[in-house]
Amino acid sequence: AGTGIAELIALEMSKQ
């Protein structure tokens, strides 16, 4: 865990 997690969540939310 570290950096990019928030961006990954945002990307997954954008996919849906």
PDB file of N, CA and C in Angstrom:
ATOM      1  N   ALA A   1       0.865  -1.217   0.000  1.00  0.00           N
ATOM      2  CA  ALA A   1       0.000   0.000   0.000  1.00  0.00           C
ATOM      3  C   ALA A   1       0.884   1.244   0.000  1.00  0.00           C
ATOM      4  N   GLY A   2       0.443   2.242  -0.752  1.00  0.00           N
ATOM      5  CA  GLY A   2       1.285   3.454  -0.806  1.00  0.00           C
ATOM      6  C   GLY A   2       0.678   4.510  -1.692  1.00  0.00           C
ATOM      7  N   THR A   3       1.138   4.573  -2.925  1.00  0.00           N
ATOM      8  CA  THR A   3       0.688   5.644  -3.820  1.00  0.00           C
ATOM      9  C   THR A   3      -0.067   5.082  -5.010  1.00  0.00           C
ATOM     10  N   GLY A   4      -1.072   5.787  -5.435  1.00  0.00           N
ATOM     11  CA  GLY A   4      -1.815   5.335  -6.612  1.00  0.00           C
ATOM     12  C   GLY A   4      -3.085   4.593  -6.254  1.00  0.00           C
ATOM     13  N   ILE A   5      -3.268   4.310  -4.969  1.00  0.00           N
ATOM     14  CA  ILE A   5      -4.470   3.563  -4.573  1.00  0.00           C
ATOM     15  C   ILE A   5      -5.718   4.400  -4.848  1.00  0.00           C
ATOM     16  N   ALA A   6      -5.695   5.641  -4.450  1.00  0.00           N
ATOM     17  CA  ALA A   6      -6.855   6.517  -4.673  1.00  0.00           C
ATOM     18  C   ALA A   6      -7.152   6.616  -6.166  1.00  0.00           C
ATOM     19  N   GLU A   7      -6.106   6.666  -6.968  1.00  0.00           N
ATOM     20  CA  GLU A   7      -6.309   6.788  -8.419  1.00  0.00           C
ATOM     21  C   GLU A   7      -6.907   5.491  -8.962  1.00  0.00           C
ATOM     22  N   LEU A   8      -6.470   4.365  -8.417  1.00  0.00           N
ATOM     23  CA  LEU A   8      -7.022   3.086  -8.874  1.00  0.00           C
ATOM     24  C   LEU A   8      -8.509   3.015  -8.546  1.00  0.00           C
ATOM     25  N   ILE A   9      -8.880   3.444  -7.359  1.00  0.00           N
ATOM     26  CA  ILE A   9     -10.295   3.432  -6.976  1.00  0.00           C
ATOM     27  C   ILE A   9     -11.077   4.342  -7.902  1.00  0.00           C
ATOM     28  N   ALA A  10     -10.545   5.496  -8.186  1.00  0.00           N
ATOM     29  CA  ALA A  10     -11.241   6.445  -9.061  1.00  0.00           C
ATOM     30  C   ALA A  10     -11.400   5.835 -10.453  1.00  0.00           C
ATOM     31  N   LEU A  11     -10.387   5.124 -10.903  1.00  0.00           N
ATOM     32  CA  LEU A  11     -10.468   4.503 -12.233  1.00  0.00           C
ATOM     33  C   LEU A  11     -11.544   3.424 -12.249  1.00  0.00           C
ATOM     34  N   GLU A  12     -11.595   2.621 -11.203  1.00  0.00           N
ATOM     35  CA  GLU A  12     -12.605   1.563 -11.153  1.00  0.00           C
ATOM     36  C   GLU A  12     -13.992   2.182 -11.089  1.00  0.00           C
ATOM     37  N   MET A  13     -14.143   3.255 -10.350  1.00  0.00           N
ATOM     38  CA  MET A  13     -15.452   3.909 -10.250  1.00  0.00           C
ATOM     39  C   MET A  13     -15.828   4.481 -11.614  1.00  0.00           C
ATOM     40  N   SER A  14     -14.852   4.985 -12.333  1.00  0.00           N
ATOM     41  CA  SER A  14     -15.131   5.584 -13.650  1.00  0.00           C
ATOM     42  C   SER A  14     -15.576   4.488 -14.621  1.00  0.00           C
ATOM     43  N   LYS A  15     -14.990   3.293 -14.466  1.00  0.00           N
ATOM     44  CA  LYS A  15     -15.360   2.189 -15.352  1.00  0.00           C
ATOM     45  C   LYS A  15     -16.844   1.879 -15.203  1.00  0.00           C
ATOM     46  N   GLN A  16     -17.331   1.890 -13.966  1.00  0.00           N
ATOM     47  CA  GLN A  16     -18.736   1.574 -13.753  1.00  0.00           C
ATOM     48  C   GLN A  16     -19.539   2.808 -14.073  1.00  0.00           C
TER      49      GLN A  16
END
